[in-house]
């Protein structure tokens, strides 16, 4: 894997195109758990050249994880290393992790930013 792929950050569009129940969160070397993408929430970007959003993942019942860097695998095989932090659990008791994304927008060539 190239360094560019290792440091990639998902776009809102990439997340929206995925089956929400087909993500895998790597919790240890060679160990992952299936998680569900609950929602992608809008955030407040620092300016018009950035986007800000957060993604909420529901963990399987009985699994609780601390704040940490985790590798998230999409159903299509993309992978992203993101900082996840626990937030209020779901009403059904499942723990929820949130990652906040603040990234520069990619402007197509030939378009004024």
Foldseek 3Di string as FASTA:
>chain_A
DDPCLAADDDDPVVVVPAQQQAKWKDPDVVDIFTKGWPDKAFDDAPDPQKGKIKIKIWGPAPDDDAFDFIWMATNVGRIYTFTWHWDDHDPVRTTMIMTMDIGGDDDDPPDDD
